[in-house]
Amino acid sequence: MEQARFVTGRSQIKFLAIFMGAIFLTLAAFTVSAQQTNNAQFRVKNENTFNINLIQFKRVEYVGTCAGTAITPDSQSARFVSSKTPPAPNRRVMIKNVTDGMESNPYPYTDRSYNKGEFSEDFGFKLGNSHKTRTFSVLEGENNFLYEIKENDQVIEQGSLTAQVSIQNLGTFPRQQICENKIECKDTSDCRDRKGRKRSCRQQCFPVQQCRCP
């Protein structure tokens, strides 16, 4: 009976040791994965400071004769950097936005020089769900990115990172057209003779009102 208890106790200790070892390996793998993900980041310009992996916009709703939605700024300037592989001669970085909801043929991407200074060549984040040639599309909420750093067309680092896109609602405001009166003049007859030469002619002028949304 005592021997059976001893064997059972040893089995429990062995099981506990295996269980704790598995937890340790899982945590270690998670730590390595997190480190790999955190190698890269976006530095996003926000007024007089920089945000890390945070892209901020503001939204205003307008009602009235010029109803609509305005997003500011139009785009957010940003740069990319990897702590593992800093900029160096003959390097470029390709970044894709593979967030769910993005059009995937192709995914929005940006291809930037990564050959000098502390960061990549800058680019502009803009709200959208498809690839644009002048800006890098993002969606509201969490965005997932894949990146490749190349040196002389050879991939030297691959990874992923996430960035949060927030839109602050500033409220609803009235917006009316801005109108102004101008004088327009038009010729009252053909101002060229039979040979096509320009000649003086009479004009008729009248007031017109031009309106536009601010």
Protein backbone atom coordinates (compact mmCIF):
# COMPACT_ATOMS: atom_id res chain seq x y z
CA MET A 1 0.00 0.00 0.00
CA GLU A 2 2.80 2.40 0.97
CA GLN A 3 4.68 1.47 -2.23
CA ALA A 4 1.59 2.26 -4.32
CA ARG A 5 1.29 5.68 -2.71
CA PHE A 6 4.98 6.33 -3.39
CA VAL A 7 4.59 5.41 -7.07
CA THR A 8 1.49 7.61 -7.37
CA GLY A 9 3.33 10.54 -5.79
CA ARG A 10 6.25 10.18 -8.19
CA SER A 11 3.83 10.05 -11.14
CA GLN A 12 2.14 13.25 -9.99
CA ILE A 13 5.50 15.02 -9.63
CA LYS A 14 6.57 13.82 -13.08
CA PHE A 15 3.27 14.99 -14.61
CA LEU A 16 3.62 18.36 -12.88
CA ALA A 17 7.18 18.77 -14.17
CA ILE A 18 6.10 17.97 -17.74
CA PHE A 19 3.14 20.35 -17.45
CA MET A 20 5.31 23.21 -16.14
CA GLY A 21 7.88 22.56 -18.87
CA ALA A 22 5.20 22.82 -21.53
CA ILE A 23 4.01 26.12 -20.09
CA PHE A 24 7.58 27.44 -20.05
CA LEU A 25 8.14 26.47 -23.70
CA THR A 26 4.84 28.07 -24.72
CA LEU A 27 5.71 31.32 -22.93
CA ALA A 28 9.19 31.31 -24.47
CA ALA A 29 7.77 30.82 -27.96
CA PHE A 30 5.24 33.60 -27.35
CA THR A 31 8.02 35.91 -26.15
CA VAL A 32 10.14 35.21 -29.24
CA SER A 33 7.12 35.76 -31.48
CA ALA A 34 6.30 39.04 -29.75
CA GLN A 35 9.90 40.19 -30.10
CA GLN A 36 9.85 39.40 -33.82
CA THR A 37 6.61 41.33 -34.25
CA ASN A 38 7.89 44.27 -32.22
CA ASN A 39 11.07 44.64 -34.29
CA ALA A 40 9.22 46.97 -36.66
CA GLN A 41 7.06 50.02 -36.09
CA PHE A 42 5.48 53.00 -37.76
CA ARG A 43 6.34 56.49 -36.54
CA VAL A 44 3.30 58.59 -37.41
CA LYS A 45 3.54 62.37 -37.35
CA ASN A 46 0.80 63.94 -35.24
CA GLU A 47 1.06 67.75 -35.08
CA ASN A 48 4.28 68.40 -33.11
CA THR A 49 4.91 64.84 -31.94
CA PHE A 50 5.10 61.25 -33.19
CA ASN A 51 2.81 58.31 -32.42
CA ILE A 52 4.04 54.73 -32.50
CA ASN A 53 1.71 52.47 -34.53
CA LEU A 54 -1.20 54.85 -33.94
CA ILE A 55 -2.85 56.67 -36.86
CA GLN A 56 -5.35 59.36 -35.87
CA PHE A 57 -7.98 61.18 -37.89
CA LYS A 58 -10.84 63.54 -37.02
CA ARG A 59 -14.35 63.49 -38.47
CA VAL A 60 -16.94 66.27 -38.73
CA GLU A 61 -20.51 65.84 -39.99
CA TYR A 62 -22.08 68.82 -41.77
CA VAL A 63 -25.76 69.57 -42.36
CA GLY A 64 -27.38 72.27 -44.50
CA THR A 65 -26.89 73.23 -48.15
CA CYS A 66 -23.35 71.82 -47.97
CA ALA A 67 -24.06 68.61 -46.08
CA GLY A 68 -21.38 65.94 -45.94
CA THR A 69 -18.55 64.40 -43.97
CA ALA A 70 -15.06 65.84 -43.64
CA ILE A 71 -12.03 63.82 -42.51
CA THR A 72 -8.92 65.66 -41.33
CA PRO A 73 -6.11 65.49 -42.02
CA ASP A 74 -6.48 64.15 -45.54
CA SER A 75 -3.49 61.85 -44.89
CA GLN A 76 -1.09 61.12 -42.02
CA SER A 77 2.64 61.25 -42.72
CA ALA A 78 4.59 58.25 -41.42
CA ARG A 79 7.88 56.38 -41.63
CA PHE A 80 8.89 52.76 -41.03
CA VAL A 81 11.80 51.37 -39.04
CA SER A 82 12.99 47.98 -37.82
CA SER A 83 15.24 47.81 -34.76
CA LYS A 84 16.67 44.55 -36.07
CA THR A 85 17.54 45.86 -39.54
CA PRO A 86 18.15 49.62 -39.68
CA PRO A 87 18.44 51.61 -42.93
CA ALA A 88 21.60 51.03 -44.96
CA PRO A 89 22.73 51.52 -48.58
CA ASN A 90 20.84 49.60 -51.28
CA ARG A 91 17.93 48.73 -49.01
CA ARG A 92 14.18 49.08 -49.61
CA VAL A 93 11.11 48.07 -47.61
CA MET A 94 7.83 46.73 -49.01
CA ILE A 95 4.82 46.91 -46.68
CA LYS A 96 1.38 45.38 -47.36
CA ASN A 97 -1.87 46.03 -45.52
CA VAL A 98 -3.56 42.61 -45.27
CA THR A 99 -6.39 43.67 -42.95
CA ASP A 100 -9.74 41.91 -43.39
CA GLY A 101 -11.98 44.10 -45.54
CA MET A 102 -9.20 45.32 -47.82
CA GLU A 103 -9.34 44.58 -51.52
CA SER A 104 -6.70 41.93 -52.09
CA ASN A 105 -5.91 42.20 -55.80
CA PRO A 106 -3.58 43.73 -54.92
CA TYR A 107 -3.51 44.45 -51.20
CA PRO A 108 -2.68 48.09 -50.49
CA TYR A 109 1.10 48.39 -50.35
CA THR A 110 3.93 50.89 -50.27
CA ASP A 111 7.50 50.37 -51.54
CA ARG A 112 9.93 52.83 -49.97
CA SER A 113 13.65 53.49 -49.93
CA TYR A 114 15.33 52.36 -46.72
CA ASN A 115 18.89 53.35 -47.47
CA LYS A 116 19.84 56.27 -45.22
CA GLY A 117 19.10 58.07 -41.98
CA GLU A 118 17.14 56.49 -39.14
CA PHE A 119 13.88 55.62 -40.94
CA SER A 120 12.41 54.78 -44.31
CA GLU A 121 11.33 57.32 -46.89
CA ASP A 122 8.07 58.84 -45.65
CA PHE A 123 4.59 57.95 -46.94
CA GLY A 124 1.02 59.00 -46.22
CA PHE A 125 -1.68 56.88 -44.54
CA LYS A 126 -5.18 57.60 -45.85
CA LEU A 127 -8.57 56.02 -45.15
CA GLY A 128 -9.57 53.61 -47.91
CA ASN A 129 -10.05 49.93 -48.74
CA SER A 130 -8.03 49.55 -51.95
CA HIS A 131 -4.55 50.24 -53.28
CA LYS A 132 -3.73 53.87 -54.12
CA THR A 133 -0.66 55.11 -55.96
CA ARG A 134 0.01 58.21 -53.86
CA THR A 135 -1.11 57.09 -50.37
CA PHE A 136 -1.22 53.94 -48.23
CA SER A 137 -4.78 52.82 -47.47
CA VAL A 138 -5.91 51.92 -43.93
CA LEU A 139 -9.25 51.08 -42.29
CA GLU A 140 -10.66 52.27 -38.99
CA GLY A 141 -9.66 49.91 -36.16
CA GLU A 142 -6.76 47.48 -35.99
CA ASN A 143 -4.77 47.06 -39.22
CA ASN A 144 -2.43 44.14 -39.95
CA PHE A 145 0.70 44.57 -42.06
CA LEU A 146 3.37 42.33 -43.57
CA TYR A 147 6.76 43.73 -44.52
CA GLU A 148 9.95 42.72 -46.32
CA ILE A 149 13.27 44.52 -46.15
CA LYS A 150 15.46 43.92 -49.19
CA GLU A 151 19.11 44.65 -49.88
CA ASN A 152 20.07 44.45 -53.57
CA ASP A 153 16.79 42.60 -54.24
CA GLN A 154 17.55 39.95 -51.59
CA VAL A 155 15.12 39.66 -48.65
CA ILE A 156 17.05 40.14 -45.40
CA GLU A 157 14.11 40.50 -42.99
CA GLN A 158 10.43 39.59 -43.00
CA GLY A 159 7.84 40.26 -40.35
CA SER A 160 4.46 41.60 -39.34
CA LEU A 161 3.13 44.45 -37.26
CA THR A 162 -0.18 45.99 -36.31
CA ALA A 163 -1.31 49.59 -36.09
CA GLN A 164 -4.44 51.15 -34.66
CA VAL A 165 -6.46 53.63 -36.74
CA SER A 166 -8.75 55.88 -34.72
CA ILE A 167 -11.28 58.47 -35.91
CA GLN A 168 -12.35 61.10 -33.39
CA ASN A 169 -15.87 62.42 -33.94
CA LEU A 170 -15.90 66.18 -33.40
CA GLY A 171 -19.69 66.58 -33.80
CA THR A 172 -22.27 67.89 -36.26
CA PHE A 173 -22.27 71.47 -37.54
CA PRO A 174 -24.29 73.52 -40.06
CA ARG A 175 -22.54 74.42 -43.30
CA GLN A 176 -24.04 76.75 -45.90
CA GLN A 177 -22.92 77.83 -49.33
CA ILE A 178 -20.79 80.91 -49.75
CA CYS A 179 -22.23 83.11 -52.51
CA GLU A 180 -20.81 86.19 -54.22
CA ASN A 181 -22.00 88.47 -57.00
CA LYS A 182 -19.82 89.00 -60.07
CA ILE A 183 -20.11 90.78 -63.40
CA GLU A 184 -19.81 88.69 -66.54
CA CYS A 185 -19.50 90.10 -70.04
CA LYS A 186 -20.22 88.37 -73.35
CA ASP A 187 -19.76 89.44 -76.95
CA THR A 188 -23.01 90.36 -78.66
CA SER A 189 -21.71 89.59 -82.16
CA ASP A 190 -18.93 87.84 -84.06
CA CYS A 191 -15.67 89.69 -83.38
CA ARG A 192 -13.89 88.58 -86.58
CA ASP A 193 -14.32 89.83 -90.10
CA ARG A 194 -14.77 87.67 -93.19
CA LYS A 195 -11.02 87.07 -93.40
CA GLY A 196 -10.86 85.87 -89.79
CA ARG A 197 -9.15 88.98 -88.49
CA LYS A 198 -10.12 90.09 -84.97
CA ARG A 199 -12.05 93.33 -84.73
CA SER A 200 -13.66 95.35 -82.00
CA CYS A 201 -17.17 94.34 -81.04
CA ARG A 202 -19.78 95.19 -78.51
CA GLN A 203 -20.17 93.34 -75.21
CA GLN A 204 -23.11 92.96 -72.91
CA CYS A 205 -22.40 92.72 -69.17
CA PHE A 206 -24.74 91.43 -66.49
CA PRO A 207 -24.53 90.41 -62.82
CA VAL A 208 -24.36 86.72 -61.85
CA GLN A 209 -24.28 84.98 -58.51
CA GLN A 210 -21.74 82.20 -57.93
CA CYS A 211 -22.05 79.87 -54.94
CA ARG A 212 -19.67 77.24 -53.55
CA CYS A 213 -19.26 75.08 -50.50
CA PRO A 214 -16.38 76.03 -48.18
